Amino acid sequence: MKENSLFPRVPDHHKPNKPLVPNGLGIIFVFASVIYLFLIYCFDLVEINASNGVSPALTLAVCVLFGGFMGLLDDWMDLRWRYKAFFPIFVALPLAAFREGDTWMATYIFGKVNFGIYFYVFIIPIILAIVTNAVNQLGGLNGLETICPSIVLFGLLLGSDPKFHVLLYVPLLVNVILAYFNFRGKIFVGNTGSFAIGITLASFALVANIEQTLVISITPYILNSSLILLNYFFFRAGARVSFDGEKLFSDHRRSLITLITYNRRLSERQVVALISLLVAISTCVALLIEWLLL
């Protein structure tokens, strides 16, 4: 990669000699996904919402664009978490327009529940904020920002109505390609990629009405965010994994990464593989529960 690369280069802190790696390649996911979704809309390749005439492809494209914009702002300005935590809420507007007149959400315990106005005011914003920030928080190692979301994205594709499948073909393919290079330490997707893919997961689940499948699939993400937030708010302690030049290790358990490496030396790829396995298991459980309750 030339020094005058279009993408800024940042050090890879978990590799010997900290090589410089191009960052912000998540913009490729944003561009490819949005162009693809616009084409689906233009050629009427997916069924329009019958209740209000809003296109799911156009809705998802707007959400991905906002996720990429939010990630770019964070990459450029290093936004504080107090702002990043609430930014995804604005994406609730196009999703509320798409779901207008449809405030039913499936739950495993109570069946389908009509939440009325609370679905727009609380449920959509909460799902967007939690999922987007949880995906962004589980990062820092090569592959985590791309492999794990690809697993969840594939699970959502399998768990959704076939009429929505076409929405995810290119986003999933592009993310898998980025995951290949990200896992090898050739690129970083940056906050642009993590926010965009996080909003894609949440938005697609809301469009396809499979919110419960998403929640179970991202259980490892929720565990990671819970550990980070609890330690920060109660002990004012952050999570940090150490690197001795060969392996990762930690002396505390304040995140999923540090929990796995607590008093244990593991390579970066081993940690990523273990967390990816956890995400794969939770996604399979989500699909199994959904299929059993159909």
C-alpha atoms as a PDB file:
ATOM      1  CA  MET A   1       0.000   0.000   0.000  1.00  0.00           C
ATOM      2  CA  LYS A   2       1.447   3.362  -1.013  1.00  0.00           C
ATOM      3  CA  GLU A   3       1.935   6.140   1.479  1.00  0.00           C
ATOM      4  CA  ASN A   4      -0.468   8.382  -0.469  1.00  0.00           C
ATOM      5  CA  SER A   5      -3.287   5.876  -0.055  1.00  0.00           C
ATOM      6  CA  LEU A   6      -6.821   7.236   0.000  1.00  0.00           C
ATOM      7  CA  PHE A   7      -7.329   5.583   3.384  1.00  0.00           C
ATOM      8  CA  PRO A   8      -5.457   6.705   6.531  1.00  0.00           C
ATOM      9  CA  ARG A   9      -3.121   4.113   7.998  1.00  0.00           C
ATOM     10  CA  VAL A  10      -3.109   3.278  11.682  1.00  0.00           C
ATOM     11  CA  PRO A  11      -0.885   0.923  13.702  1.00  0.00           C
ATOM     12  CA  ASP A  12      -1.999  -2.614  14.409  1.00  0.00           C
ATOM     13  CA  HIS A  13      -1.253  -2.777  18.135  1.00  0.00           C
ATOM     14  CA  HIS A  14      -1.581  -6.549  18.340  1.00  0.00           C
ATOM     15  CA  LYS A  15       1.092  -7.389  15.800  1.00  0.00           C
ATOM     16  CA  PRO A  16       4.884  -7.351  16.248  1.00  0.00           C
ATOM     17  CA  ASN A  17       6.381  -3.960  15.308  1.00  0.00           C
ATOM     18  CA  LYS A  18       2.852  -2.511  15.011  1.00  0.00           C
ATOM     19  CA  PRO A  19       2.583  -2.387  11.199  1.00  0.00           C
ATOM     20  CA  LEU A  20       0.496   0.380   9.623  1.00  0.00           C
ATOM     21  CA  VAL A  21      -2.818  -0.829   8.182  1.00  0.00           C
ATOM     22  CA  PRO A  22      -5.316   1.139   6.032  1.00  0.00           C
ATOM     23  CA  ASN A  23      -8.352   2.106   8.091  1.00  0.00           C
ATOM     24  CA  GLY A  24     -11.939   3.022   7.206  1.00  0.00           C
ATOM     25  CA  LEU A  25     -12.509   0.356   4.548  1.00  0.00           C
ATOM     26  CA  GLY A  26     -16.002  -0.057   5.939  1.00  0.00           C
ATOM     27  CA  ILE A  27     -17.004   2.684   3.510  1.00  0.00           C
ATOM     28  CA  ILE A  28     -16.896  -0.024   0.824  1.00  0.00           C
ATOM     29  CA  PHE A  29     -19.661  -1.865   2.669  1.00  0.00           C
ATOM     30  CA  VAL A  30     -21.711   1.351   2.805  1.00  0.00           C
ATOM     31  CA  PHE A  31     -21.307   2.229  -0.878  1.00  0.00           C
ATOM     32  CA  ALA A  32     -21.859  -1.297  -2.190  1.00  0.00           C
ATOM     33  CA  SER A  33     -24.878  -1.944   0.041  1.00  0.00           C
ATOM     34  CA  VAL A  34     -26.576   1.377  -0.670  1.00  0.00           C
ATOM     35  CA  ILE A  35     -26.083   1.196  -4.439  1.00  0.00           C
ATOM     36  CA  TYR A  36     -27.376  -2.375  -4.444  1.00  0.00           C
ATOM     37  CA  LEU A  37     -30.437  -1.453  -2.361  1.00  0.00           C
ATOM     38  CA  PHE A  38     -31.202   1.513  -4.598  1.00  0.00           C
ATOM     39  CA  LEU A  39     -31.083  -0.799  -7.618  1.00  0.00           C
ATOM     40  CA  ILE A  40     -33.485  -3.187  -5.906  1.00  0.00           C
ATOM     41  CA  TYR A  41     -35.819  -0.257  -5.325  1.00  0.00           C
ATOM     42  CA  CYS A  42     -35.524   1.048  -8.885  1.00  0.00           C
ATOM     43  CA  PHE A  43     -36.254  -2.331 -10.452  1.00  0.00           C
ATOM     44  CA  ASP A  44     -38.977  -3.318  -7.950  1.00  0.00           C
ATOM     45  CA  LEU A  45     -37.171  -6.498  -6.930  1.00  0.00           C
ATOM     46  CA  VAL A  46     -38.767  -6.669  -3.493  1.00  0.00           C
ATOM     47  CA  GLU A  47     -42.360  -6.304  -2.404  1.00  0.00           C
ATOM     48  CA  ILE A  48     -43.440  -2.836  -1.226  1.00  0.00           C
ATOM     49  CA  ASN A  49     -45.009  -2.585   2.231  1.00  0.00           C
ATOM     50  CA  ALA A  50     -48.697  -3.016   1.485  1.00  0.00           C
ATOM     51  CA  SER A  51     -49.902  -0.957   4.462  1.00  0.00           C
ATOM     52  CA  ASN A  52     -48.183   2.321   3.529  1.00  0.00           C
ATOM     53  CA  GLY A  53     -46.412   1.811   0.199  1.00  0.00           C
ATOM     54  CA  VAL A  54     -42.899   2.256   1.631  1.00  0.00           C
ATOM     55  CA  SER A  55     -40.064   0.241   0.098  1.00  0.00           C
ATOM     56  CA  PRO A  56     -38.034  -1.989   2.467  1.00  0.00           C
ATOM     57  CA  ALA A  57     -35.000  -1.609   0.181  1.00  0.00           C
ATOM     58  CA  LEU A  58     -35.152   2.179   0.314  1.00  0.00           C
ATOM     59  CA  THR A  59     -35.700   2.108   4.077  1.00  0.00           C
ATOM     60  CA  LEU A  60     -32.686  -0.142   4.626  1.00  0.00           C
ATOM     61  CA  ALA A  61     -30.538   1.986   2.286  1.00  0.00           C
ATOM     62  CA  VAL A  62     -31.301   5.129   4.304  1.00  0.00           C
ATOM     63  CA  CYS A  63     -30.396   3.313   7.524  1.00  0.00           C
ATOM     64  CA  VAL A  64     -27.074   2.036   6.138  1.00  0.00           C
ATOM     65  CA  LEU A  65     -26.215   5.515   4.877  1.00  0.00           C
ATOM     66  CA  PHE A  66     -26.839   7.020   8.294  1.00  0.00           C
ATOM     67  CA  GLY A  67     -24.746   4.303   9.956  1.00  0.00           C
ATOM     68  CA  GLY A  68     -21.853   5.030   7.613  1.00  0.00           C
ATOM     69  CA  PHE A  69     -22.179   8.781   8.211  1.00  0.00           C
ATOM     70  CA  MET A  70     -22.183   8.281  11.970  1.00  0.00           C
ATOM     71  CA  GLY A  71     -19.094   6.069  11.730  1.00  0.00           C
ATOM     72  CA  LEU A  72     -17.290   8.651   9.573  1.00  0.00           C
ATOM     73  CA  LEU A  73     -18.007  11.336  12.166  1.00  0.00           C
ATOM     74  CA  ASP A  74     -16.559   9.104  14.866  1.00  0.00           C
ATOM     75  CA  ASP A  75     -13.469   8.293  12.804  1.00  0.00           C
ATOM     76  CA  TRP A  76     -12.859  11.987  12.103  1.00  0.00           C
ATOM     77  CA  MET A  77     -13.899  13.551  15.421  1.00  0.00           C
ATOM     78  CA  ASP A  78     -13.527  10.696  17.948  1.00  0.00           C
ATOM     79  CA  LEU A  79     -17.010  11.270  19.384  1.00  0.00           C
ATOM     80  CA  ARG A  80     -17.652  10.686  23.073  1.00  0.00           C
ATOM     81  CA  TRP A  81     -19.721   7.644  23.995  1.00  0.00           C
ATOM     82  CA  ARG A  82     -22.471   9.864  25.396  1.00  0.00           C
ATOM     83  CA  TYR A  83     -23.138  11.057  21.838  1.00  0.00           C
ATOM     84  CA  LYS A  84     -22.558   7.769  20.047  1.00  0.00           C
ATOM     85  CA  ALA A  85     -24.982   5.989  22.353  1.00  0.00           C
ATOM     86  CA  PHE A  86     -27.919   8.092  21.156  1.00  0.00           C
ATOM     87  CA  PHE A  87     -27.029   8.788  17.513  1.00  0.00           C
ATOM     88  CA  PRO A  88     -28.638   5.567  16.183  1.00  0.00           C
ATOM     89  CA  ILE A  89     -32.000   6.680  17.565  1.00  0.00           C
ATOM     90  CA  PHE A  90     -32.422   9.018  14.564  1.00  0.00           C
ATOM     91  CA  VAL A  91     -32.619   5.961  12.304  1.00  0.00           C
ATOM     92  CA  ALA A  92     -35.919   5.187  14.026  1.00  0.00           C
ATOM     93  CA  LEU A  93     -37.612   7.751  11.763  1.00  0.00           C
ATOM     94  CA  PRO A  94     -37.406   5.840   8.423  1.00  0.00           C
ATOM     95  CA  LEU A  95     -38.088   2.553  10.212  1.00  0.00           C
ATOM     96  CA  ALA A  96     -41.157   3.996  11.933  1.00  0.00           C
ATOM     97  CA  ALA A  97     -42.371   5.184   8.525  1.00  0.00           C
ATOM     98  CA  PHE A  98     -41.887   1.692   7.094  1.00  0.00           C
ATOM     99  CA  ARG A  99     -43.639   0.000  10.023  1.00  0.00           C
ATOM    100  CA  GLU A 100     -46.489   2.537  10.125  1.00  0.00           C
ATOM    101  CA  GLY A 101     -49.662   0.708  11.025  1.00  0.00           C
ATOM    102  CA  ASP A 102     -47.745  -2.416  12.067  1.00  0.00           C
ATOM    103  CA  THR A 103     -46.878  -2.308  15.749  1.00  0.00           C
ATOM    104  CA  TRP A 104     -46.945  -6.060  16.339  1.00  0.00           C
ATOM    105  CA  MET A 105     -43.771  -7.790  17.494  1.00  0.00           C
ATOM    106  CA  ALA A 106     -43.294 -11.508  18.010  1.00  0.00           C
ATOM    107  CA  THR A 107     -42.176 -12.630  21.471  1.00  0.00           C
ATOM    108  CA  TYR A 108     -41.353 -16.170  22.481  1.00  0.00           C
ATOM    109  CA  ILE A 109     -43.178 -15.979  25.804  1.00  0.00           C
ATOM    110  CA  PHE A 110     -46.345 -14.024  25.017  1.00  0.00           C
ATOM    111  CA  GLY A 111     -46.669 -14.668  21.281  1.00  0.00           C
ATOM    112  CA  LYS A 112     -47.314 -11.672  19.041  1.00  0.00           C
ATOM    113  CA  VAL A 113     -47.886  -8.509  21.040  1.00  0.00           C
ATOM    114  CA  ASN A 114     -49.275  -5.209  19.796  1.00  0.00           C
ATOM    115  CA  PHE A 115     -47.201  -2.477  21.477  1.00  0.00           C
ATOM    116  CA  GLY A 116     -49.083   0.381  19.835  1.00  0.00           C
ATOM    117  CA  ILE A 117     -47.398   3.783  19.927  1.00  0.00           C
ATOM    118  CA  TYR A 118     -44.744   2.431  22.310  1.00  0.00           C
ATOM    119  CA  PHE A 119     -43.307   0.376  19.450  1.00  0.00           C
ATOM    120  CA  TYR A 120     -42.292   3.586  17.654  1.00  0.00           C
ATOM    121  CA  VAL A 121     -41.365   5.612  20.740  1.00  0.00           C
ATOM    122  CA  PHE A 122     -39.413   3.030  22.725  1.00  0.00           C
ATOM    123  CA  ILE A 123     -38.855  -0.348  21.059  1.00  0.00           C
ATOM    124  CA  ILE A 124     -37.433   0.768  17.694  1.00  0.00           C
ATOM    125  CA  PRO A 125     -35.017   3.352  19.237  1.00  0.00           C
ATOM    126  CA  ILE A 126     -33.900   0.940  21.984  1.00  0.00           C
ATOM    127  CA  ILE A 127     -33.172  -1.888  19.522  1.00  0.00           C
ATOM    128  CA  LEU A 128     -31.220   0.482  17.247  1.00  0.00           C
ATOM    129  CA  ALA A 129     -29.182   2.011  20.067  1.00  0.00           C
ATOM    130  CA  ILE A 130     -28.338  -1.270  21.806  1.00  0.00           C
ATOM    131  CA  VAL A 131     -27.469  -3.299  18.706  1.00  0.00           C
ATOM    132  CA  THR A 132     -25.434  -0.582  16.960  1.00  0.00           C
ATOM    133  CA  ASN A 133     -23.377   0.306  20.030  1.00  0.00           C
ATOM    134  CA  ALA A 134     -22.929  -3.330  21.057  1.00  0.00           C
ATOM    135  CA  VAL A 135     -21.490  -4.193  17.633  1.00  0.00           C
ATOM    136  CA  ASN A 136     -19.193  -1.178  17.803  1.00  0.00           C
ATOM    137  CA  GLN A 137     -17.962  -2.090  21.293  1.00  0.00           C
ATOM    138  CA  LEU A 138     -16.935  -5.639  20.381  1.00  0.00           C
ATOM    139  CA  GLY A 139     -13.905  -4.767  18.302  1.00  0.00           C
ATOM    140  CA  GLY A 140     -10.216  -4.062  18.511  1.00  0.00           C
ATOM    141  CA  LEU A 141      -9.005  -7.409  17.147  1.00  0.00           C
ATOM    142  CA  ASN A 142      -8.627  -8.322  13.497  1.00  0.00           C
ATOM    143  CA  GLY A 143     -11.835  -9.930  12.315  1.00  0.00           C
ATOM    144  CA  LEU A 144     -14.195  -9.166  15.186  1.00  0.00           C
ATOM    145  CA  GLU A 145     -15.818  -6.199  13.423  1.00  0.00           C
ATOM    146  CA  THR A 146     -16.541  -8.267  10.314  1.00  0.00           C
ATOM    147  CA  ILE A 147     -16.658 -12.028  10.995  1.00  0.00           C
ATOM    148  CA  CYS A 148     -19.119 -11.918  13.898  1.00  0.00           C
ATOM    149  CA  PRO A 149     -21.578  -9.545  12.171  1.00  0.00           C
ATOM    150  CA  SER A 150     -21.391 -11.716   9.040  1.00  0.00           C
ATOM    151  CA  ILE A 151     -22.495 -14.709  11.111  1.00  0.00           C
ATOM    152  CA  VAL A 152     -25.435 -12.798  12.566  1.00  0.00           C
ATOM    153  CA  LEU A 153     -26.323 -11.356   9.164  1.00  0.00           C
ATOM    154  CA  PHE A 154     -26.404 -14.843   7.668  1.00  0.00           C
ATOM    155  CA  GLY A 155     -28.590 -16.015  10.542  1.00  0.00           C
ATOM    156  CA  LEU A 156     -31.034 -13.157   9.962  1.00  0.00           C
ATOM    157  CA  LEU A 157     -31.185 -14.054   6.288  1.00  0.00           C
ATOM    158  CA  LEU A 158     -32.082 -17.660   7.129  1.00  0.00           C
ATOM    159  CA  GLY A 159     -34.589 -16.617   9.778  1.00  0.00           C
ATOM    160  CA  SER A 160     -36.469 -14.040   7.727  1.00  0.00           C
ATOM    161  CA  ASP A 161     -39.301 -14.308   5.212  1.00  0.00           C
ATOM    162  CA  PRO A 162     -37.853 -15.327   1.799  1.00  0.00           C
ATOM    163  CA  LYS A 163     -39.229 -12.151   0.227  1.00  0.00           C
ATOM    164  CA  PHE A 164     -36.656 -10.162   2.239  1.00  0.00           C
ATOM    165  CA  HIS A 165     -33.649 -12.353   1.405  1.00  0.00           C
ATOM    166  CA  VAL A 166     -32.661 -10.321  -1.655  1.00  0.00           C
ATOM    167  CA  LEU A 167     -31.985  -7.319   0.598  1.00  0.00           C
ATOM    168  CA  LEU A 168     -29.006  -9.035   2.205  1.00  0.00           C
ATOM    169  CA  TYR A 169     -27.242 -10.780  -0.664  1.00  0.00           C
ATOM    170  CA  VAL A 170     -24.739  -8.031  -1.507  1.00  0.00           C
ATOM    171  CA  PRO A 171     -24.319  -6.611   2.036  1.00  0.00           C
ATOM    172  CA  LEU A 172     -23.493 -10.095   3.298  1.00  0.00           C
ATOM    173  CA  LEU A 173     -21.151 -10.865   0.389  1.00  0.00           C
ATOM    174  CA  VAL A 174     -19.264  -7.574   0.758  1.00  0.00           C
ATOM    175  CA  ASN A 175     -18.930  -8.019   4.506  1.00  0.00           C
ATOM    176  CA  VAL A 176     -17.550 -11.546   4.060  1.00  0.00           C
ATOM    177  CA  ILE A 177     -14.954 -10.231   1.588  1.00  0.00           C
ATOM    178  CA  LEU A 178     -13.962  -7.483   4.028  1.00  0.00           C
ATOM    179  CA  ALA A 179     -13.810 -10.104   6.799  1.00  0.00           C
ATOM    180  CA  TYR A 180     -11.265 -12.125   4.808  1.00  0.00           C
ATOM    181  CA  PHE A 181      -8.844  -9.203   4.578  1.00  0.00           C
ATOM    182  CA  ASN A 182      -9.664  -7.884   8.046  1.00  0.00           C
ATOM    183  CA  PHE A 183      -8.955 -11.240   9.701  1.00  0.00           C
ATOM    184  CA  ARG A 184      -5.567 -11.388   7.939  1.00  0.00           C
ATOM    185  CA  GLY A 185      -4.711  -7.929   9.247  1.00  0.00           C
ATOM    186  CA  LYS A 186      -4.647  -6.299   5.811  1.00  0.00           C
ATOM    187  CA  ILE A 187      -7.413  -3.744   6.462  1.00  0.00           C
ATOM    188  CA  PHE A 188      -9.492  -2.180   9.239  1.00  0.00           C
ATOM    189  CA  VAL A 189     -13.134  -1.311   8.616  1.00  0.00           C
ATOM    190  CA  GLY A 190     -13.080   1.392  11.292  1.00  0.00           C
ATOM    191  CA  ASN A 191     -16.095   2.886  13.010  1.00  0.00           C
ATOM    192  CA  THR A 192     -17.557   3.528   9.568  1.00  0.00           C
ATOM    193  CA  GLY A 193     -17.853  -0.208   9.048  1.00  0.00           C
ATOM    194  CA  SER A 194     -18.871  -1.220  12.570  1.00  0.00           C
ATOM    195  CA  PHE A 195     -21.635   1.380  12.858  1.00  0.00           C
ATOM    196  CA  ALA A 196     -22.932   0.681   9.344  1.00  0.00           C
ATOM    197  CA  ILE A 197     -23.088  -3.082   9.853  1.00  0.00           C
ATOM    198  CA  GLY A 198     -24.568  -2.665  13.334  1.00  0.00           C
ATOM    199  CA  ILE A 199     -27.377  -0.491  12.004  1.00  0.00           C
ATOM    200  CA  THR A 200     -27.842  -2.940   9.111  1.00  0.00           C
ATOM    201  CA  LEU A 201     -28.437  -5.792  11.563  1.00  0.00           C
ATOM    202  CA  ALA A 202     -30.922  -3.826  13.664  1.00  0.00           C
ATOM    203  CA  SER A 203     -32.717  -2.250  10.704  1.00  0.00           C
ATOM    204  CA  PHE A 204     -33.117  -5.481   8.765  1.00  0.00           C
ATOM    205  CA  ALA A 205     -34.493  -7.254  11.838  1.00  0.00           C
ATOM    206  CA  LEU A 206     -37.067  -4.470  12.259  1.00  0.00           C
ATOM    207  CA  VAL A 207     -37.951  -4.468   8.558  1.00  0.00           C
ATOM    208  CA  ALA A 208     -38.359  -8.262   8.511  1.00  0.00           C
ATOM    209  CA  ASN A 209     -40.015  -8.347  11.958  1.00  0.00           C
ATOM    210  CA  ILE A 210     -37.543 -10.837  13.432  1.00  0.00           C
ATOM    211  CA  GLU A 211     -36.383  -8.763  16.392  1.00  0.00           C
ATOM    212  CA  GLN A 212     -36.396 -11.728  18.771  1.00  0.00           C
ATOM    213  CA  THR A 213     -34.047 -13.695  16.492  1.00  0.00           C
ATOM    214  CA  LEU A 214     -31.637 -10.756  16.450  1.00  0.00           C
ATOM    215  CA  VAL A 215     -31.654 -10.340  20.239  1.00  0.00           C
ATOM    216  CA  ILE A 216     -30.730 -13.984  20.873  1.00  0.00           C
ATOM    217  CA  SER A 217     -28.125 -13.979  18.098  1.00  0.00           C
ATOM    218  CA  ILE A 218     -26.238 -11.039  19.620  1.00  0.00           C
ATOM    219  CA  THR A 219     -26.122 -12.477  23.155  1.00  0.00           C
ATOM    220  CA  PRO A 220     -22.270 -12.417  23.191  1.00  0.00           C
ATOM    221  CA  TYR A 221     -22.395  -8.761  22.132  1.00  0.00           C
ATOM    222  CA  ILE A 222     -24.799  -7.955  24.962  1.00  0.00           C
ATOM    223  CA  LEU A 223     -22.572  -9.804  27.449  1.00  0.00           C
ATOM    224  CA  ASN A 224     -19.547  -7.830  26.262  1.00  0.00           C
ATOM    225  CA  SER A 225     -21.317  -4.466  26.512  1.00  0.00           C
ATOM    226  CA  SER A 226     -22.751  -5.333  29.934  1.00  0.00           C
ATOM    227  CA  LEU A 227     -19.302  -6.167  31.299  1.00  0.00           C
ATOM    228  CA  ILE A 228     -17.823  -2.959  29.885  1.00  0.00           C
ATOM    229  CA  LEU A 229     -20.605  -0.675  31.105  1.00  0.00           C
ATOM    230  CA  LEU A 230     -20.938  -2.235  34.569  1.00  0.00           C
ATOM    231  CA  ASN A 231     -17.211  -1.934  35.217  1.00  0.00           C
ATOM    232  CA  TYR A 232     -17.151   1.621  33.928  1.00  0.00           C
ATOM    233  CA  PHE A 233     -20.152   2.939  35.862  1.00  0.00           C
ATOM    234  CA  PHE A 234     -19.496   1.096  39.139  1.00  0.00           C
ATOM    235  CA  PHE A 235     -15.698   0.938  39.236  1.00  0.00           C
ATOM    236  CA  ARG A 236     -14.651   3.562  36.666  1.00  0.00           C
ATOM    237  CA  ALA A 237     -12.408   0.863  35.195  1.00  0.00           C
ATOM    238  CA  GLY A 238     -11.887   0.297  31.486  1.00  0.00           C
ATOM    239  CA  ALA A 239     -11.158  -2.965  29.696  1.00  0.00           C
ATOM    240  CA  ARG A 240      -7.747  -3.398  28.149  1.00  0.00           C
ATOM    241  CA  VAL A 241      -6.045  -6.478  26.768  1.00  0.00           C
ATOM    242  CA  SER A 242      -2.245  -6.677  26.862  1.00  0.00           C
ATOM    243  CA  PHE A 243       0.069  -7.898  24.105  1.00  0.00           C
ATOM    244  CA  ASP A 244       3.520  -9.308  24.879  1.00  0.00           C
ATOM    245  CA  GLY A 245       4.702  -9.411  21.274  1.00  0.00           C
ATOM    246  CA  GLU A 246       3.262 -12.858  20.601  1.00  0.00           C
ATOM    247  CA  LYS A 247       0.105 -13.492  22.629  1.00  0.00           C
ATOM    248  CA  LEU A 248      -2.754 -11.580  24.221  1.00  0.00           C
ATOM    249  CA  PHE A 249      -3.511 -11.751  27.942  1.00  0.00           C
ATOM    250  CA  SER A 250      -5.321  -9.781  30.641  1.00  0.00           C
ATOM    251  CA  ASP A 251      -5.374  -9.510  34.429  1.00  0.00           C
ATOM    252  CA  HIS A 252      -9.031  -8.504  34.681  1.00  0.00           C
ATOM    253  CA  ARG A 253     -12.462  -9.501  33.354  1.00  0.00           C
ATOM    254  CA  ARG A 254     -14.084  -6.302  32.135  1.00  0.00           C
ATOM    255  CA  SER A 255     -15.082  -7.331  28.609  1.00  0.00           C
ATOM    256  CA  LEU A 256     -15.606 -10.493  26.599  1.00  0.00           C
ATOM    257  CA  ILE A 257     -12.059 -10.281  25.238  1.00  0.00           C
ATOM    258  CA  THR A 258     -10.466  -9.832  28.668  1.00  0.00           C
ATOM    259  CA  LEU A 259     -12.721 -12.551  30.100  1.00  0.00           C
ATOM    260  CA  ILE A 260     -11.410 -15.031  27.531  1.00  0.00           C
ATOM    261  CA  THR A 261      -7.766 -13.955  27.991  1.00  0.00           C
ATOM    262  CA  TYR A 262      -7.918 -13.667  31.789  1.00  0.00           C
ATOM    263  CA  ASN A 263      -4.693 -15.280  33.102  1.00  0.00           C
ATOM    264  CA  ARG A 264      -4.470 -17.070  29.755  1.00  0.00           C
ATOM    265  CA  ARG A 265      -2.152 -16.341  26.828  1.00  0.00           C
ATOM    266  CA  LEU A 266      -3.870 -16.694  23.466  1.00  0.00           C
ATOM    267  CA  SER A 267      -3.078 -15.526  19.970  1.00  0.00           C
ATOM    268  CA  GLU A 268      -5.241 -12.831  18.410  1.00  0.00           C
ATOM    269  CA  ARG A 269      -6.697 -15.318  15.939  1.00  0.00           C
ATOM    270  CA  GLN A 270      -7.543 -17.772  18.729  1.00  0.00           C
ATOM    271  CA  VAL A 271      -9.496 -15.087  20.588  1.00  0.00           C
ATOM    272  CA  VAL A 272     -11.339 -14.033  17.435  1.00  0.00           C
ATOM    273  CA  ALA A 273     -12.123 -17.671  16.617  1.00  0.00           C
ATOM    274  CA  LEU A 274     -13.523 -18.306  20.119  1.00  0.00           C
ATOM    275  CA  ILE A 275     -15.735 -15.220  20.082  1.00  0.00           C
ATOM    276  CA  SER A 276     -16.897 -16.028  16.543  1.00  0.00           C
ATOM    277  CA  LEU A 277     -17.796 -19.518  17.749  1.00  0.00           C
ATOM    278  CA  LEU A 278     -19.863 -18.037  20.589  1.00  0.00           C
ATOM    279  CA  VAL A 279     -21.704 -15.812  18.100  1.00  0.00           C
ATOM    280  CA  ALA A 280     -22.273 -18.784  15.791  1.00  0.00           C
ATOM    281  CA  ILE A 281     -23.726 -20.815  18.685  1.00  0.00           C
ATOM    282  CA  SER A 282     -26.052 -18.007  19.803  1.00  0.00           C
ATOM    283  CA  THR A 283     -27.198 -17.477  16.203  1.00  0.00           C
ATOM    284  CA  CYS A 284     -27.909 -21.188  15.767  1.00  0.00           C
ATOM    285  CA  VAL A 285     -29.870 -21.203  19.037  1.00  0.00           C
ATOM    286  CA  ALA A 286     -31.903 -18.210  17.817  1.00  0.00           C
ATOM    287  CA  LEU A 287     -32.736 -19.968  14.549  1.00  0.00           C
ATOM    288  CA  LEU A 288     -33.552 -23.241  16.290  1.00  0.00           C
ATOM    289  CA  ILE A 289     -35.960 -21.517  18.698  1.00  0.00           C
ATOM    290  CA  GLU A 290     -37.604 -19.638  15.846  1.00  0.00           C
ATOM    291  CA  TRP A 291     -38.076 -22.764  13.724  1.00  0.00           C
ATOM    292  CA  LEU A 292     -39.394 -24.787  16.689  1.00  0.00           C
ATOM    293  CA  LEU A 293     -41.975 -22.130  17.499  1.00  0.00           C
ATOM    294  CA  LEU A 294     -43.189 -21.611  13.927  1.00  0.00           C
END
